All heavy atoms as atom14 arrays in JSON, in Angstrom:
{
  "sequence": "AASIRNLEESLELFEENISSKLIELDSALKKQFKELDRVQQSNVSQLK",
  "atom14_mask": [
    [1, 1, 1, 1, 1, 0, 0, 0, 0, 0, 0, 0, 0, 0],
    [1, 1, 1, 1, 1, 0, 0, 0, 0, 0, 0, 0, 0, 0],
    [1, 1, 1, 1, 1, 1, 0, 0, 0, 0, 0, 0, 0, 0],
    [1, 1, 1, 1, 1, 1, 1, 1, 0, 0, 0, 0, 0, 0],
    [1, 1, 1, 1, 1, 1, 1, 1, 1, 1, 1, 0, 0, 0],
    [1, 1, 1, 1, 1, 1, 1, 1, 0, 0, 0, 0, 0, 0],
    [1, 1, 1, 1, 1, 1, 1, 1, 0, 0, 0, 0, 0, 0],
    [1, 1, 1, 1, 1, 1, 1, 1, 1, 0, 0, 0, 0, 0],
    [1, 1, 1, 1, 1, 1, 1, 1, 1, 0, 0, 0, 0, 0],
    [1, 1, 1, 1, 1, 1, 0, 0, 0, 0, 0, 0, 0, 0],
    [1, 1, 1, 1, 1, 1, 1, 1, 0, 0, 0, 0, 0, 0],
    [1, 1, 1, 1, 1, 1, 1, 1, 1, 0, 0, 0, 0, 0],
    [1, 1, 1, 1, 1, 1, 1, 1, 0, 0, 0, 0, 0, 0],
    [1, 1, 1, 1, 1, 1, 1, 1, 1, 1, 1, 0, 0, 0],
    [1, 1, 1, 1, 1, 1, 1, 1, 1, 0, 0, 0, 0, 0],
    [1, 1, 1, 1, 1, 1, 1, 1, 1, 0, 0, 0, 0, 0],
    [1, 1, 1, 1, 1, 1, 1, 1, 0, 0, 0, 0, 0, 0],
    [1, 1, 1, 1, 1, 1, 1, 1, 0, 0, 0, 0, 0, 0],
    [1, 1, 1, 1, 1, 1, 0, 0, 0, 0, 0, 0, 0, 0],
    [1, 1, 1, 1, 1, 1, 0, 0, 0, 0, 0, 0, 0, 0],
    [1, 1, 1, 1, 1, 1, 1, 1, 1, 0, 0, 0, 0, 0],
    [1, 1, 1, 1, 1, 1, 1, 1, 0, 0, 0, 0, 0, 0],
    [1, 1, 1, 1, 1, 1, 1, 1, 0, 0, 0, 0, 0, 0],
    [1, 1, 1, 1, 1, 1, 1, 1, 1, 0, 0, 0, 0, 0],
    [1, 1, 1, 1, 1, 1, 1, 1, 0, 0, 0, 0, 0, 0],
    [1, 1, 1, 1, 1, 1, 1, 1, 0, 0, 0, 0, 0, 0],
    [1, 1, 1, 1, 1, 1, 0, 0, 0, 0, 0, 0, 0, 0],
    [1, 1, 1, 1, 1, 0, 0, 0, 0, 0, 0, 0, 0, 0],
    [1, 1, 1, 1, 1, 1, 1, 1, 0, 0, 0, 0, 0, 0],
    [1, 1, 1, 1, 1, 1, 1, 1, 1, 0, 0, 0, 0, 0],
    [1, 1, 1, 1, 1, 1, 1, 1, 1, 0, 0, 0, 0, 0],
    [1, 1, 1, 1, 1, 1, 1, 1, 1, 0, 0, 0, 0, 0],
    [1, 1, 1, 1, 1, 1, 1, 1, 1, 1, 1, 0, 0, 0],
    [1, 1, 1, 1, 1, 1, 1, 1, 1, 0, 0, 0, 0, 0],
    [1, 1, 1, 1, 1, 1, 1, 1, 1, 0, 0, 0, 0, 0],
    [1, 1, 1, 1, 1, 1, 1, 1, 0, 0, 0, 0, 0, 0],
    [1, 1, 1, 1, 1, 1, 1, 1, 0, 0, 0, 0, 0, 0],
    [1, 1, 1, 1, 1, 1, 1, 1, 1, 1, 1, 0, 0, 0],
    [1, 1, 1, 1, 1, 1, 1, 0, 0, 0, 0, 0, 0, 0],
    [1, 1, 1, 1, 1, 1, 1, 1, 1, 0, 0, 0, 0, 0],
    [1, 1, 1, 1, 1, 1, 1, 1, 1, 0, 0, 0, 0, 0],
    [1, 1, 1, 1, 1, 1, 0, 0, 0, 0, 0, 0, 0, 0],
    [1, 1, 1, 1, 1, 1, 1, 1, 0, 0, 0, 0, 0, 0],
    [1, 1, 1, 1, 1, 1, 1, 0, 0, 0, 0, 0, 0, 0],
    [1, 1, 1, 1, 1, 1, 0, 0, 0, 0, 0, 0, 0, 0],
    [1, 1, 1, 1, 1, 1, 1, 1, 1, 0, 0, 0, 0, 0],
    [1, 1, 1, 1, 1, 1, 1, 1, 0, 0, 0, 0, 0, 0],
    [1, 1, 1, 1, 1, 1, 1, 1, 1, 0, 0, 0, 0, 0]
  ],
  "atom14_positions": [
    [[35.05, -1.56, 0.04], [34.27, -2.45, 0.9], [33.24, -1.65, 1.69], [32.08, -2.06, 1.86], [35.2, -3.22, 1.84], [0.0, 0.0, 0.0], [0.0, 0.0, 0.0], [0.0, 0.0, 0.0], [0.0, 0.0, 0.0], [0.0, 0.0, 0.0], [0.0, 0.0, 0.0], [0.0, 0.0, 0.0], [0.0, 0.0, 0.0], [0.0, 0.0, 0.0]],
    [[33.66, -0.47, 2.18], [32.73, 0.4, 2.92], [31.6, 0.87, 2.01], [30.43, 0.91, 2.41], [33.49, 1.59, 3.52], [0.0, 0.0, 0.0], [0.0, 0.0, 0.0], [0.0, 0.0, 0.0], [0.0, 0.0, 0.0], [0.0, 0.0, 0.0], [0.0, 0.0, 0.0], [0.0, 0.0, 0.0], [0.0, 0.0, 0.0], [0.0, 0.0, 0.0]],
    [[31.99, 1.21, 0.77], [30.97, 1.63, -0.19], [29.98, 0.51, -0.46], [28.77, 0.72, -0.57], [31.62, 2.09, -1.49], [32.43, 3.22, -1.25], [0.0, 0.0, 0.0], [0.0, 0.0, 0.0], [0.0, 0.0, 0.0], [0.0, 0.0, 0.0], [0.0, 0.0, 0.0], [0.0, 0.0, 0.0], [0.0, 0.0, 0.0], [0.0, 0.0, 0.0]],
    [[30.57, -0.7, -0.59], [29.7, -1.86, -0.83], [28.77, -2.07, 0.35], [27.57, -2.35, 0.19], [30.55, -3.1, -1.12], [31.25, -2.95, -2.48], [29.68, -4.37, -1.11], [32.25, -4.05, -2.77], [0.0, 0.0, 0.0], [0.0, 0.0, 0.0], [0.0, 0.0, 0.0], [0.0, 0.0, 0.0], [0.0, 0.0, 0.0], [0.0, 0.0, 0.0]],
    [[29.33, -1.95, 1.57], [28.49, -2.11, 2.75], [27.41, -1.03, 2.8], [26.24, -1.31, 3.13], [29.36, -2.06, 4.01], [30.17, -3.34, 4.26], [30.72, -3.37, 5.67], [31.63, -2.26, 5.92], [32.94, -2.26, 5.69], [33.5, -3.35, 5.14], [33.69, -1.21, 5.96], [0.0, 0.0, 0.0], [0.0, 0.0, 0.0], [0.0, 0.0, 0.0]],
    [[27.81, 0.2, 2.47], [26.82, 1.3, 2.45], [25.73, 1.02, 1.41], [24.55, 1.28, 1.64], [27.5, 2.62, 2.16], [28.39, 3.09, 3.31], [28.16, 2.71, 4.47], [29.41, 3.89, 3.01], [0.0, 0.0, 0.0], [0.0, 0.0, 0.0], [0.0, 0.0, 0.0], [0.0, 0.0, 0.0], [0.0, 0.0, 0.0], [0.0, 0.0, 0.0]],
    [[26.2, 0.49, 0.25], [25.23, 0.17, -0.8], [24.29, -0.93, -0.34], [23.07, -0.87, -0.56], [25.97, -0.25, -2.06], [25.09, -0.61, -3.27], [24.21, 0.57, -3.67], [25.96, -1.04, -4.43], [0.0, 0.0, 0.0], [0.0, 0.0, 0.0], [0.0, 0.0, 0.0], [0.0, 0.0, 0.0], [0.0, 0.0, 0.0], [0.0, 0.0, 0.0]],
    [[24.86, -1.95, 0.32], [24.02, -3.03, 0.83], [23.03, -2.52, 1.86], [21.85, -2.9, 1.87], [24.91, -4.13, 1.44], [25.71, -4.91, 0.39], [26.63, -5.93, 1.04], [26.79, -5.85, 2.28], [27.17, -6.79, 0.32], [0.0, 0.0, 0.0], [0.0, 0.0, 0.0], [0.0, 0.0, 0.0], [0.0, 0.0, 0.0], [0.0, 0.0, 0.0]],
    [[23.54, -1.63, 2.76], [22.64, -1.07, 3.76], [21.54, -0.23, 3.1], [20.38, -0.27, 3.52], [23.44, -0.21, 4.75], [24.37, -1.03, 5.64], [25.22, -0.14, 6.54], [25.12, 1.1, 6.38], [25.95, -0.67, 7.38], [0.0, 0.0, 0.0], [0.0, 0.0, 0.0], [0.0, 0.0, 0.0], [0.0, 0.0, 0.0], [0.0, 0.0, 0.0]],
    [[21.95, 0.53, 2.05], [20.96, 1.35, 1.33], [19.92, 0.46, 0.66], [18.72, 0.77, 0.66], [21.66, 2.22, 0.29], [22.55, 3.14, 0.91], [0.0, 0.0, 0.0], [0.0, 0.0, 0.0], [0.0, 0.0, 0.0], [0.0, 0.0, 0.0], [0.0, 0.0, 0.0], [0.0, 0.0, 0.0], [0.0, 0.0, 0.0], [0.0, 0.0, 0.0]],
    [[20.42, -0.67, 0.06], [19.49, -1.6, -0.56], [18.54, -2.21, 0.46], [17.32, -2.35, 0.2], [20.25, -2.7, -1.3], [20.98, -2.26, -2.57], [21.81, -3.41, -3.11], [19.97, -1.81, -3.63], [0.0, 0.0, 0.0], [0.0, 0.0, 0.0], [0.0, 0.0, 0.0], [0.0, 0.0, 0.0], [0.0, 0.0, 0.0], [0.0, 0.0, 0.0]],
    [[19.09, -2.58, 1.63], [18.23, -3.14, 2.68], [17.19, -2.11, 3.14], [16.02, -2.44, 3.32], [19.1, -3.59, 3.87], [19.96, -4.8, 3.57], [20.84, -5.17, 4.74], [20.82, -4.4, 5.75], [21.54, -6.19, 4.68], [0.0, 0.0, 0.0], [0.0, 0.0, 0.0], [0.0, 0.0, 0.0], [0.0, 0.0, 0.0], [0.0, 0.0, 0.0]],
    [[17.65, -0.85, 3.31], [16.72, 0.21, 3.71], [15.67, 0.45, 2.63], [14.49, 0.65, 2.93], [17.51, 1.5, 3.99], [16.69, 2.7, 4.49], [16.0, 2.36, 5.81], [17.6, 3.93, 4.68], [0.0, 0.0, 0.0], [0.0, 0.0, 0.0], [0.0, 0.0, 0.0], [0.0, 0.0, 0.0], [0.0, 0.0, 0.0], [0.0, 0.0, 0.0]],
    [[16.12, 0.39, 1.35], [15.2, 0.59, 0.25], [14.15, -0.54, 0.22], [12.96, -0.29, 0.01], [16.0, 0.61, -1.06], [15.12, 0.76, -2.29], [14.54, 1.98, -2.6], [14.89, -0.34, -3.11], [13.74, 2.09, -3.72], [14.08, -0.22, -4.23], [13.5, 1.01, -4.54], [0.0, 0.0, 0.0], [0.0, 0.0, 0.0], [0.0, 0.0, 0.0]],
    [[14.64, -1.77, 0.45], [13.71, -2.9, 0.49], [12.71, -2.74, 1.62], [11.51, -3.03, 1.46], [14.49, -4.21, 0.64], [15.27, -4.6, -0.6], [16.07, -5.88, -0.39], [16.07, -6.37, 0.77], [16.67, -6.39, -1.35], [0.0, 0.0, 0.0], [0.0, 0.0, 0.0], [0.0, 0.0, 0.0], [0.0, 0.0, 0.0], [0.0, 0.0, 0.0]],
    [[13.22, -2.28, 2.77], [12.32, -2.06, 3.9], [11.28, -0.98, 3.57], [10.08, -1.13, 3.88], [13.12, -1.67, 5.15], [13.96, -2.8, 5.71], [14.79, -2.34, 6.9], [14.7, -1.13, 7.23], [15.48, -3.17, 7.5], [0.0, 0.0, 0.0], [0.0, 0.0, 0.0], [0.0, 0.0, 0.0], [0.0, 0.0, 0.0], [0.0, 0.0, 0.0]],
    [[11.77, 0.1, 2.94], [10.85, 1.18, 2.56], [9.83, 0.69, 1.53], [8.63, 1.01, 1.61], [11.62, 2.37, 1.99], [12.42, 3.1, 3.06], [12.06, 3.06, 4.25], [13.5, 3.77, 2.66], [0.0, 0.0, 0.0], [0.0, 0.0, 0.0], [0.0, 0.0, 0.0], [0.0, 0.0, 0.0], [0.0, 0.0, 0.0], [0.0, 0.0, 0.0]],
    [[10.34, -0.12, 0.56], [9.43, -0.65, -0.46], [8.38, -1.55, 0.19], [7.18, -1.47, -0.11], [10.22, -1.42, -1.53], [11.0, -0.45, -2.42], [9.27, -2.24, -2.4], [10.14, 0.49, -3.23], [0.0, 0.0, 0.0], [0.0, 0.0, 0.0], [0.0, 0.0, 0.0], [0.0, 0.0, 0.0], [0.0, 0.0, 0.0], [0.0, 0.0, 0.0]],
    [[8.8, -2.4, 1.09], [7.88, -3.3, 1.78], [6.84, -2.5, 2.57], [5.64, -2.8, 2.56], [8.64, -4.24, 2.71], [9.53, -5.05, 1.98], [0.0, 0.0, 0.0], [0.0, 0.0, 0.0], [0.0, 0.0, 0.0], [0.0, 0.0, 0.0], [0.0, 0.0, 0.0], [0.0, 0.0, 0.0], [0.0, 0.0, 0.0], [0.0, 0.0, 0.0]],
    [[7.33, -1.47, 3.27], [6.43, -0.61, 4.05], [5.43, 0.1, 3.15], [4.23, 0.16, 3.44], [7.24, 0.4, 4.85], [6.39, 1.29, 5.56], [0.0, 0.0, 0.0], [0.0, 0.0, 0.0], [0.0, 0.0, 0.0], [0.0, 0.0, 0.0], [0.0, 0.0, 0.0], [0.0, 0.0, 0.0], [0.0, 0.0, 0.0], [0.0, 0.0, 0.0]],
    [[5.94, 0.6, 2.01], [5.06, 1.3, 1.07], [4.03, 0.34, 0.47], [2.86, 0.71, 0.28], [5.9, 1.94, -0.04], [6.78, 3.1, 0.42], [5.95, 4.26, 0.93], [6.85, 5.43, 1.34], [6.03, 6.56, 1.88], [0.0, 0.0, 0.0], [0.0, 0.0, 0.0], [0.0, 0.0, 0.0], [0.0, 0.0, 0.0], [0.0, 0.0, 0.0]],
    [[4.51, -0.88, 0.17], [3.59, -1.87, -0.39], [2.49, -2.22, 0.61], [1.32, -2.36, 0.25], [4.35, -3.14, -0.8], [5.23, -3.01, -2.05], [6.02, -4.3, -2.28], [4.38, -2.68, -3.29], [0.0, 0.0, 0.0], [0.0, 0.0, 0.0], [0.0, 0.0, 0.0], [0.0, 0.0, 0.0], [0.0, 0.0, 0.0], [0.0, 0.0, 0.0]],
    [[2.87, -2.34, 1.88], [1.88, -2.63, 2.92], [0.88, -1.48, 3.05], [-0.34, -1.68, 3.13], [2.58, -2.89, 4.27], [3.39, -4.2, 4.2], [1.55, -2.97, 5.4], [4.25, -4.45, 5.42], [0.0, 0.0, 0.0], [0.0, 0.0, 0.0], [0.0, 0.0, 0.0], [0.0, 0.0, 0.0], [0.0, 0.0, 0.0], [0.0, 0.0, 0.0]],
    [[1.44, -0.24, 3.05], [0.56, 0.93, 3.12], [-0.36, 1.01, 1.91], [-1.55, 1.31, 2.03], [1.4, 2.2, 3.23], [2.16, 2.33, 4.55], [3.02, 3.58, 4.58], [3.02, 4.31, 3.56], [3.69, 3.82, 5.61], [0.0, 0.0, 0.0], [0.0, 0.0, 0.0], [0.0, 0.0, 0.0], [0.0, 0.0, 0.0], [0.0, 0.0, 0.0]],
    [[0.21, 0.73, 0.72], [-0.58, 0.77, -0.5], [-1.67, -0.3, -0.47], [-2.83, -0.04, -0.86], [0.33, 0.56, -1.71], [-0.37, 0.58, -3.09], [-1.06, 1.91, -3.32], [0.65, 0.31, -4.19], [0.0, 0.0, 0.0], [0.0, 0.0, 0.0], [0.0, 0.0, 0.0], [0.0, 0.0, 0.0], [0.0, 0.0, 0.0], [0.0, 0.0, 0.0]],
    [[-1.32, -1.49, -0.02], [-2.3, -2.57, 0.07], [-3.42, -2.2, 1.03], [-4.6, -2.42, 0.76], [-1.59, -3.86, 0.54], [-2.56, -5.02, 0.64], [-3.06, -5.47, -0.41], [-2.83, -5.48, 1.76], [0.0, 0.0, 0.0], [0.0, 0.0, 0.0], [0.0, 0.0, 0.0], [0.0, 0.0, 0.0], [0.0, 0.0, 0.0], [0.0, 0.0, 0.0]],
    [[-3.05, -1.61, 2.19], [-4.06, -1.19, 3.15], [-4.95, -0.1, 2.58], [-6.18, -0.12, 2.75], [-3.37, -0.7, 4.43], [-4.31, -0.2, 5.35], [0.0, 0.0, 0.0], [0.0, 0.0, 0.0], [0.0, 0.0, 0.0], [0.0, 0.0, 0.0], [0.0, 0.0, 0.0], [0.0, 0.0, 0.0], [0.0, 0.0, 0.0], [0.0, 0.0, 0.0]],
    [[-4.3, 0.87, 1.88], [-5.07, 1.96, 1.28], [-6.03, 1.44, 0.21], [-7.19, 1.86, 0.11], [-4.14, 3.01, 0.69], [0.0, 0.0, 0.0], [0.0, 0.0, 0.0], [0.0, 0.0, 0.0], [0.0, 0.0, 0.0], [0.0, 0.0, 0.0], [0.0, 0.0, 0.0], [0.0, 0.0, 0.0], [0.0, 0.0, 0.0], [0.0, 0.0, 0.0]],
    [[-5.54, 0.49, -0.62], [-6.39, -0.08, -1.67], [-7.56, -0.84, -1.06], [-8.7, -0.76, -1.56], [-5.56, -1.01, -2.56], [-4.59, -0.31, -3.53], [-3.74, -1.34, -4.26], [-5.35, 0.56, -4.54], [0.0, 0.0, 0.0], [0.0, 0.0, 0.0], [0.0, 0.0, 0.0], [0.0, 0.0, 0.0], [0.0, 0.0, 0.0], [0.0, 0.0, 0.0]],
    [[-7.3, -1.59, 0.02], [-8.38, -2.31, 0.68], [-9.43, -1.34, 1.22], [-10.64, -1.58, 1.08], [-7.82, -3.18, 1.82], [-7.06, -4.4, 1.34], [-6.55, -5.21, 2.52], [-5.79, -6.45, 2.05], [-5.27, -7.23, 3.2], [0.0, 0.0, 0.0], [0.0, 0.0, 0.0], [0.0, 0.0, 0.0], [0.0, 0.0, 0.0], [0.0, 0.0, 0.0]],
    [[-8.95, -0.23, 1.83], [-9.9, 0.77, 2.33], [-10.7, 1.39, 1.2], [-11.92, 1.59, 1.31], [-9.15, 1.86, 3.09], [-8.57, 1.4, 4.41], [-7.86, 2.54, 5.12], [-7.29, 2.09, 6.46], [-6.58, 3.19, 7.17], [0.0, 0.0, 0.0], [0.0, 0.0, 0.0], [0.0, 0.0, 0.0], [0.0, 0.0, 0.0], [0.0, 0.0, 0.0]],
    [[-10.0, 1.7, 0.08], [-10.7, 2.3, -1.06], [-11.73, 1.34, -1.65], [-12.85, 1.75, -1.99], [-9.69, 2.73, -2.12], [-8.85, 3.93, -1.72], [-7.87, 4.34, -2.8], [-7.77, 3.69, -3.83], [-7.12, 5.4, -2.53], [0.0, 0.0, 0.0], [0.0, 0.0, 0.0], [0.0, 0.0, 0.0], [0.0, 0.0, 0.0], [0.0, 0.0, 0.0]],
    [[-11.32, 0.06, -1.81], [-12.27, -0.92, -2.34], [-13.45, -1.11, -1.39], [-14.6, -1.27, -1.82], [-11.58, -2.26, -2.59], [-10.8, -2.31, -3.88], [-9.43, -2.53, -3.88], [-11.45, -2.12, -5.09], [-8.72, -2.57, -5.07], [-10.75, -2.17, -6.28], [-9.37, -2.38, -6.28], [0.0, 0.0, 0.0], [0.0, 0.0, 0.0], [0.0, 0.0, 0.0]],
    [[-13.15, -1.11, -0.09], [-14.22, -1.24, 0.89], [-15.17, -0.06, 0.82], [-16.4, -0.22, 0.85], [-13.62, -1.36, 2.29], [-14.65, -1.63, 3.38], [-13.98, -1.82, 4.72], [-15.02, -2.11, 5.8], [-14.38, -2.3, 7.14], [0.0, 0.0, 0.0], [0.0, 0.0, 0.0], [0.0, 0.0, 0.0], [0.0, 0.0, 0.0], [0.0, 0.0, 0.0]],
    [[-14.62, 1.15, 0.7], [-15.44, 2.35, 0.58], [-16.23, 2.35, -0.72], [-17.41, 2.72, -0.76], [-14.55, 3.59, 0.65], [-15.29, 4.92, 0.51], [-16.24, 5.19, 1.65], [-16.1, 4.54, 2.71], [-17.14, 6.04, 1.47], [0.0, 0.0, 0.0], [0.0, 0.0, 0.0], [0.0, 0.0, 0.0], [0.0, 0.0, 0.0], [0.0, 0.0, 0.0]],
    [[-15.55, 1.91, -1.81], [-16.23, 1.82, -3.1], [-17.39, 0.83, -3.03], [-18.48, 1.1, -3.56], [-15.24, 1.4, -4.18], [-15.81, 1.27, -5.61], [-16.37, 2.59, -6.08], [-14.73, 0.78, -6.56], [0.0, 0.0, 0.0], [0.0, 0.0, 0.0], [0.0, 0.0, 0.0], [0.0, 0.0, 0.0], [0.0, 0.0, 0.0], [0.0, 0.0, 0.0]],
    [[-17.17, -0.3, -2.36], [-18.23, -1.29, -2.22], [-19.38, -0.72, -1.4], [-20.56, -0.94, -1.72], [-17.66, -2.55, -1.55], [-18.69, -3.65, -1.44], [-19.15, -4.13, -2.48], [-19.04, -4.03, -0.3], [0.0, 0.0, 0.0], [0.0, 0.0, 0.0], [0.0, 0.0, 0.0], [0.0, 0.0, 0.0], [0.0, 0.0, 0.0], [0.0, 0.0, 0.0]],
    [[-19.03, 0.03, -0.33], [-20.08, 0.65, 0.49], [-20.88, 1.66, -0.31], [-22.11, 1.71, -0.24], [-19.46, 1.33, 1.71], [-20.48, 1.88, 2.69], [-19.81, 2.76, 3.73], [-19.29, 3.98, 3.12], [-20.04, 5.03, 2.81], [-21.33, 5.02, 3.04], [-19.49, 6.09, 2.26], [0.0, 0.0, 0.0], [0.0, 0.0, 0.0], [0.0, 0.0, 0.0]],
    [[-20.17, 2.48, -1.12], [-20.84, 3.48, -1.95], [-21.74, 2.81, -2.99], [-22.87, 3.24, -3.23], [-19.81, 4.4, -2.63], [-20.48, 5.3, -3.66], [-19.09, 5.25, -1.59], [0.0, 0.0, 0.0], [0.0, 0.0, 0.0], [0.0, 0.0, 0.0], [0.0, 0.0, 0.0], [0.0, 0.0, 0.0], [0.0, 0.0, 0.0], [0.0, 0.0, 0.0]],
    [[-21.21, 1.73, -3.59], [-22.02, 1.01, -4.58], [-23.27, 0.41, -3.94], [-24.37, 0.49, -4.5], [-21.19, -0.09, -5.23], [-20.13, 0.42, -6.22], [-19.32, -0.69, -6.82], [-19.26, -1.79, -6.26], [-18.68, -0.43, -7.94], [0.0, 0.0, 0.0], [0.0, 0.0, 0.0], [0.0, 0.0, 0.0], [0.0, 0.0, 0.0], [0.0, 0.0, 0.0]],
    [[-23.09, -0.18, -2.74], [-24.25, -0.73, -2.05], [-25.25, 0.37, -1.71], [-26.46, 0.19, -1.82], [-23.81, -1.46, -0.79], [-23.06, -2.76, -1.06], [-22.64, -3.45, 0.23], [-22.79, -2.91, 1.31], [-22.09, -4.65, 0.1], [0.0, 0.0, 0.0], [0.0, 0.0, 0.0], [0.0, 0.0, 0.0], [0.0, 0.0, 0.0], [0.0, 0.0, 0.0]],
    [[-24.7, 1.53, -1.29], [-25.58, 2.67, -0.97], [-26.32, 3.14, -2.22], [-27.52, 3.42, -2.18], [-24.76, 3.81, -0.38], [-25.57, 4.95, -0.14], [0.0, 0.0, 0.0], [0.0, 0.0, 0.0], [0.0, 0.0, 0.0], [0.0, 0.0, 0.0], [0.0, 0.0, 0.0], [0.0, 0.0, 0.0], [0.0, 0.0, 0.0], [0.0, 0.0, 0.0]],
    [[-25.57, 3.21, -3.35], [-26.21, 3.64, -4.61], [-27.27, 2.64, -5.05], [-28.34, 3.03, -5.52], [-25.15, 3.8, -5.7], [-24.25, 5.0, -5.46], [-24.62, 5.94, -4.74], [-23.06, 4.97, -6.04], [0.0, 0.0, 0.0], [0.0, 0.0, 0.0], [0.0, 0.0, 0.0], [0.0, 0.0, 0.0], [0.0, 0.0, 0.0], [0.0, 0.0, 0.0]],
    [[-26.95, 1.34, -4.89], [-27.92, 0.32, -5.26], [-29.16, 0.43, -4.37], [-30.3, 0.33, -4.85], [-27.3, -1.09, -5.15], [-28.37, -2.17, -5.28], [-26.25, -1.29, -6.23], [0.0, 0.0, 0.0], [0.0, 0.0, 0.0], [0.0, 0.0, 0.0], [0.0, 0.0, 0.0], [0.0, 0.0, 0.0], [0.0, 0.0, 0.0], [0.0, 0.0, 0.0]],
    [[-28.92, 0.66, -3.07], [-30.04, 0.8, -2.15], [-30.88, 2.02, -2.49], [-32.11, 1.97, -2.49], [-29.52, 0.9, -0.71], [-30.58, 1.12, 0.19], [0.0, 0.0, 0.0], [0.0, 0.0, 0.0], [0.0, 0.0, 0.0], [0.0, 0.0, 0.0], [0.0, 0.0, 0.0], [0.0, 0.0, 0.0], [0.0, 0.0, 0.0], [0.0, 0.0, 0.0]],
    [[-30.19, 3.15, -2.8], [-30.91, 4.36, -3.17], [-31.68, 4.16, -4.48], [-32.81, 4.61, -4.62], [-29.94, 5.53, -3.3], [-29.34, 5.98, -1.98], [-28.34, 7.11, -2.16], [-28.08, 7.55, -3.28], [-27.77, 7.57, -1.06], [0.0, 0.0, 0.0], [0.0, 0.0, 0.0], [0.0, 0.0, 0.0], [0.0, 0.0, 0.0], [0.0, 0.0, 0.0]],
    [[-31.02, 3.49, -5.44], [-31.68, 3.22, -6.72], [-32.89, 2.33, -6.52], [-33.96, 2.56, -7.11], [-30.69, 2.55, -7.68], [-31.22, 2.25, -9.1], [-31.64, 3.54, -9.79], [-30.16, 1.53, -9.91], [0.0, 0.0, 0.0], [0.0, 0.0, 0.0], [0.0, 0.0, 0.0], [0.0, 0.0, 0.0], [0.0, 0.0, 0.0], [0.0, 0.0, 0.0]],
    [[-32.75, 1.3, -5.67], [-33.86, 0.41, -5.39], [-34.99, 1.18, -4.71], [-36.17, 1.01, -5.06], [-33.39, -0.74, -4.5], [-34.48, -1.75, -4.19], [-33.94, -2.88, -3.33], [-35.05, -3.87, -3.0], [-34.54, -4.98, -2.13], [0.0, 0.0, 0.0], [0.0, 0.0, 0.0], [0.0, 0.0, 0.0], [0.0, 0.0, 0.0], [0.0, 0.0, 0.0]]
  ]
}
């Protein structure tokens, strides 16, 4: 029962870590896409 509880706690912690990582990844991707869009706009402006 203790092992099961530890496993459940580990699963909950893993889910929390996964959720946190997903949030961080989503934020990082948004920043990268935003930067990529800025670079593309800059390149388009320079090309123009």
